[in-house]
Amino acid sequence: AHENLAREAVRKSIVLLKNGENADCHVPLPKEASKILVTGSHANNLRFQCGGWTIIWQGQDGNNHTIGTTIFNEISTAVHPSTEIS
């Protein structure tokens, strides 16, 4: 009964930052950016992005224990194939 609320909380809690030199720097990122850096130990770990209560007490590490996609995977599928993602 609480899955939809939990999914909404996850979507709203992810922070996307973009480097820039002025106030005109904004997201969303262009689809054909030359390079994108996705950083942090949790960028490609669904359990860490969803939090400890996803499946069992403190969850399970990795991407095979709950349905969803990581921010790294989602960015990878959203940008142009020529974009370098690291």
Protein backbone atom coordinates (compact mmCIF):
# COMPACT_ATOMS: atom_id res chain seq x y z
CA ALA A 1 0.00 0.00 0.00
CA HIS A 2 2.93 2.34 0.59
CA GLU A 3 4.99 1.48 -2.50
CA ASN A 4 3.78 4.45 -4.56
CA LEU A 5 4.56 6.87 -1.74
CA ALA A 6 8.01 5.32 -1.27
CA ARG A 7 8.75 5.57 -5.01
CA GLU A 8 7.68 9.23 -5.01
CA ALA A 9 9.97 9.94 -2.05
CA VAL A 10 12.92 8.35 -3.88
CA ARG A 11 12.23 10.36 -7.04
CA LYS A 12 12.05 13.62 -5.11
CA SER A 13 15.15 12.98 -2.99
CA ILE A 14 17.71 12.55 -5.79
CA VAL A 15 19.83 15.65 -6.35
CA LEU A 16 21.26 16.48 -9.76
CA LEU A 17 24.04 19.06 -9.88
CA LYS A 18 25.66 20.73 -12.86
CA ASN A 19 28.91 22.65 -12.83
CA GLY A 20 28.76 26.15 -14.20
CA GLU A 21 30.28 29.56 -14.01
CA ASN A 22 27.10 31.64 -13.77
CA ALA A 23 23.45 31.63 -12.82
CA ASP A 24 22.46 30.52 -16.33
CA CYS A 25 23.81 27.04 -15.60
CA HIS A 26 20.79 24.77 -15.36
CA VAL A 27 19.38 21.29 -15.79
CA PRO A 28 18.12 19.27 -17.59
CA LEU A 29 21.38 18.41 -19.25
CA PRO A 30 21.51 18.52 -23.03
CA LYS A 31 21.04 15.10 -24.68
CA GLU A 32 24.20 15.60 -26.75
CA ALA A 33 26.58 16.71 -24.00
CA SER A 34 30.15 15.64 -24.72
CA LYS A 35 30.82 14.33 -21.19
CA ILE A 36 28.80 13.67 -18.04
CA LEU A 37 30.25 12.69 -14.68
CA VAL A 38 27.95 10.66 -12.43
CA THR A 39 29.70 10.54 -9.09
CA GLY A 40 29.36 8.86 -5.74
CA SER A 41 29.43 5.31 -4.48
CA HIS A 42 25.64 5.12 -4.67
CA ALA A 43 25.24 6.30 -8.28
CA ASN A 44 24.81 2.78 -9.63
CA ASN A 45 23.40 1.01 -6.56
CA LEU A 46 19.62 0.84 -6.39
CA ARG A 47 19.48 -0.30 -2.77
CA PHE A 48 21.50 2.68 -1.58
CA GLN A 49 19.39 5.08 -3.64
CA CYS A 50 16.14 3.68 -2.23
CA GLY A 51 17.27 3.45 1.38
CA GLY A 52 17.39 0.73 3.99
CA TRP A 53 13.73 -0.17 4.21
CA THR A 54 13.17 -1.21 0.60
CA ILE A 55 12.82 -4.99 1.04
CA ILE A 56 13.93 -6.17 4.44
CA TRP A 57 15.52 -4.56 7.46
CA GLN A 58 18.33 -2.42 6.07
CA GLY A 59 17.73 -3.77 2.57
CA GLN A 60 20.24 -5.73 0.55
CA ASP A 61 23.19 -4.31 -1.33
CA GLY A 62 23.06 -4.14 -5.11
CA ASN A 63 20.53 -3.88 -7.92
CA ASN A 64 18.91 -7.31 -7.95
CA HIS A 65 16.60 -7.09 -4.94
CA THR A 66 14.04 -4.48 -5.94
CA ILE A 67 12.48 -3.16 -9.14
CA GLY A 68 13.80 0.11 -10.47
CA THR A 69 16.70 1.80 -12.19
CA THR A 70 19.71 3.68 -10.87
CA ILE A 71 20.43 7.30 -11.66
CA PHE A 72 23.54 6.17 -13.57
CA ASN A 73 21.53 3.78 -15.76
CA GLU A 74 18.80 6.33 -16.37
CA ILE A 75 21.27 9.01 -17.46
CA SER A 76 23.01 6.43 -19.69
CA THR A 77 19.78 5.67 -21.53
CA ALA A 78 18.66 9.31 -21.76
CA VAL A 79 21.70 10.87 -23.43
CA HIS A 80 23.08 10.52 -26.93
CA PRO A 81 25.16 7.36 -27.54
CA SER A 82 28.25 9.49 -28.25
CA THR A 83 28.14 11.10 -24.80
CA GLU A 84 31.02 9.94 -22.59
CA ILE A 85 29.64 8.92 -19.17
CA SER A 86 31.99 8.30 -16.28
